[in-house]
Amino acid sequence: MTDTARARKLADRIQVVVAETLQRRIKDPRLGYVTITDARVTGDLREATVFYTVYGDETERQASAAALESAKGVLRSEVGRQTGVRFTPTLTFVADALPDNAKNIDDLLDRARQSDAAVRTVAAGASYAGEADPYRVPGSERDDADEDE
């Protein structure tokens, strides 16, 4: 039976260890501004997926991905040393889609704001299609004329 609480604790610890090791020990010039956003460990504690983001353009992302792949052994040994588990999980680095999703949501919100502004400008000079109050009011002249006929 898997212990999800233990897997979560190990994932949190792996996230911290990888981030600190990248900051202090890895001196690869290809490594850009990398942020470790999340880590997840399988239930059997054998595999860990580390999510990261890179500040910069596509070439910096590719260079940082290559640097992380080349430093995978050093990072795994450091994780094993600092966590003290019997089997050190294998590390897999995955670029986090969070910045892309956030940019997509910002673009959608901007489009919605522009469409709201367009509707607002059209509605500013608009007038009613019929009367201002389209509902029947008891005792109005209109009702009296209908009753006479």
Protein backbone atom coordinates (compact mmCIF):
# COMPACT_ATOMS: atom_id res chain seq x y z
CA MET A 1 0.00 0.00 0.00
CA THR A 2 1.32 3.41 -0.90
CA ASP A 3 1.67 6.18 1.60
CA THR A 4 0.69 9.37 -0.20
CA ALA A 5 1.72 11.56 2.73
CA ARG A 6 5.23 10.13 2.59
CA ALA A 7 5.36 10.64 -1.18
CA ARG A 8 4.27 14.26 -0.76
CA LYS A 9 6.90 14.90 1.92
CA LEU A 10 9.59 13.33 -0.23
CA ALA A 11 8.45 15.38 -3.25
CA ASP A 12 8.63 18.59 -1.23
CA ARG A 13 12.09 17.68 0.01
CA ILE A 14 13.26 16.81 -3.52
CA GLN A 15 12.02 20.18 -4.76
CA VAL A 16 14.05 22.02 -2.11
CA VAL A 17 17.19 19.91 -2.59
CA VAL A 18 17.17 20.28 -6.38
CA ALA A 19 16.60 24.04 -6.17
CA GLU A 20 19.39 24.53 -3.63
CA THR A 21 21.80 22.31 -5.55
CA LEU A 22 21.12 24.16 -8.79
CA GLN A 23 21.79 27.43 -7.03
CA ARG A 24 24.94 26.42 -5.16
CA ARG A 25 26.72 23.55 -6.94
CA ILE A 26 25.80 23.49 -10.62
CA LYS A 27 27.94 25.97 -12.55
CA ASP A 28 26.84 25.13 -16.10
CA PRO A 29 26.85 28.28 -18.27
CA ARG A 30 23.86 26.95 -20.25
CA LEU A 31 21.73 27.01 -17.13
CA GLY A 32 19.63 30.17 -17.20
CA TYR A 33 17.20 31.54 -14.64
CA VAL A 34 15.59 28.23 -13.68
CA THR A 35 12.84 28.03 -11.07
CA ILE A 36 11.79 24.67 -9.67
CA THR A 37 8.00 24.97 -9.43
CA ASP A 38 6.92 21.50 -8.31
CA ALA A 39 8.03 17.93 -7.75
CA ARG A 40 5.94 14.77 -7.77
CA VAL A 41 6.91 11.29 -6.67
CA THR A 42 5.22 8.04 -7.67
CA GLY A 43 3.56 5.96 -4.97
CA ASP A 44 6.42 3.45 -4.85
CA LEU A 45 8.93 6.32 -4.39
CA ARG A 46 10.99 5.13 -7.38
CA GLU A 47 10.49 8.00 -9.83
CA ALA A 48 10.35 11.74 -9.30
CA THR A 49 9.16 14.31 -11.81
CA VAL A 50 10.57 17.79 -11.28
CA PHE A 51 8.76 20.69 -12.96
CA TYR A 52 10.69 23.84 -13.80
CA THR A 53 10.31 27.15 -15.59
CA VAL A 54 12.96 29.18 -17.36
CA TYR A 55 12.93 32.94 -17.68
CA GLY A 56 13.87 33.83 -21.23
CA ASP A 57 13.27 32.92 -24.84
CA GLU A 58 13.12 29.52 -26.52
CA THR A 59 16.89 29.15 -26.98
CA GLU A 60 17.47 29.74 -23.26
CA ARG A 61 14.78 27.17 -22.46
CA GLN A 62 16.44 24.57 -24.67
CA ALA A 63 19.89 25.32 -23.25
CA SER A 64 18.58 25.06 -19.68
CA ALA A 65 16.85 21.76 -20.49
CA ALA A 66 20.14 20.38 -21.82
CA ALA A 67 21.99 21.62 -18.71
CA LEU A 68 19.45 19.97 -16.41
CA GLU A 69 19.75 16.68 -18.29
CA SER A 70 23.55 16.77 -18.01
CA ALA A 71 23.39 17.58 -14.27
CA LYS A 72 20.82 14.85 -13.55
CA GLY A 73 23.39 12.50 -11.98
CA VAL A 74 24.78 15.10 -9.60
CA LEU A 75 21.28 16.17 -8.62
CA ARG A 76 20.15 12.58 -8.03
CA SER A 77 23.15 11.80 -5.84
CA GLU A 78 22.54 14.97 -3.83
CA VAL A 79 18.86 14.04 -3.41
CA GLY A 80 19.91 10.58 -2.19
CA ARG A 81 22.43 12.02 0.25
CA GLN A 82 20.05 14.58 1.76
CA THR A 83 16.85 12.52 1.90
CA GLY A 84 18.27 9.28 3.26
CA VAL A 85 15.79 6.99 1.49
CA ARG A 86 16.78 3.42 0.65
CA PHE A 87 16.30 3.85 -3.10
CA THR A 88 17.01 7.27 -4.56
CA PRO A 89 14.28 8.12 -7.08
CA THR A 90 15.21 8.70 -10.69
CA LEU A 91 14.72 12.32 -11.69
CA THR A 92 12.81 13.45 -14.75
CA PHE A 93 12.75 17.14 -15.63
CA VAL A 94 9.63 18.53 -17.31
CA ALA A 95 9.16 22.12 -18.43
CA ASP A 96 6.17 23.52 -16.58
CA ALA A 97 3.32 24.78 -18.77
CA LEU A 98 2.18 27.27 -16.13
CA PRO A 99 3.68 30.42 -17.75
CA ASP A 100 2.20 29.50 -21.13
CA ASN A 101 -1.22 28.90 -19.60
CA ALA A 102 -1.03 32.18 -17.69
CA LYS A 103 -0.13 34.04 -20.90
CA ASN A 104 -3.03 32.39 -22.71
CA ILE A 105 -5.45 33.41 -19.95
CA ASP A 106 -4.10 36.99 -20.01
CA ASP A 107 -4.63 37.14 -23.78
CA LEU A 108 -8.20 35.87 -23.40
CA LEU A 109 -8.92 38.43 -20.69
CA ASP A 110 -7.53 41.23 -22.88
CA ARG A 111 -9.77 40.14 -25.75
CA ALA A 112 -12.77 40.08 -23.42
CA ARG A 113 -11.95 43.60 -22.17
CA GLN A 114 -11.68 44.87 -25.75
CA SER A 115 -15.01 43.30 -26.70
CA ASP A 116 -16.65 44.76 -23.57
CA ALA A 117 -15.29 48.19 -24.46
CA ALA A 118 -16.67 47.87 -28.00
CA VAL A 119 -20.10 46.91 -26.66
CA ARG A 120 -19.94 49.80 -24.19
CA THR A 121 -19.22 52.35 -26.95
CA VAL A 122 -22.06 51.02 -29.10
CA ALA A 123 -24.46 51.06 -26.15
CA ALA A 124 -23.54 54.63 -25.18
CA GLY A 125 -25.32 56.19 -28.16
CA ALA A 126 -28.12 53.65 -28.38
CA SER A 127 -31.79 54.32 -27.75
CA TYR A 128 -34.70 52.02 -27.04
CA ALA A 129 -36.16 50.15 -30.02
CA GLY A 130 -39.71 50.86 -28.90
CA GLU A 131 -41.02 52.74 -25.95
CA ALA A 132 -38.93 53.38 -22.89
CA ASP A 133 -41.23 51.19 -20.76
CA PRO A 134 -42.53 48.24 -22.82
CA TYR A 135 -44.63 46.78 -20.00
CA ARG A 136 -48.33 47.43 -19.52
CA VAL A 137 -49.18 49.58 -16.57
CA PRO A 138 -52.67 49.25 -15.06
CA GLY A 139 -54.81 52.31 -15.69
CA SER A 140 -52.90 53.61 -18.67
CA GLU A 141 -54.52 55.09 -21.76
CA ARG A 142 -53.54 52.15 -23.84
CA ASP A 143 -55.45 49.65 -21.65
CA ASP A 144 -58.56 51.85 -21.73
CA ALA A 145 -58.50 51.99 -25.54
CA ASP A 146 -58.22 48.20 -25.76
CA GLU A 147 -61.23 47.71 -23.46
CA ASP A 148 -63.49 50.04 -25.52
CA GLU A 149 -63.05 48.05 -28.71
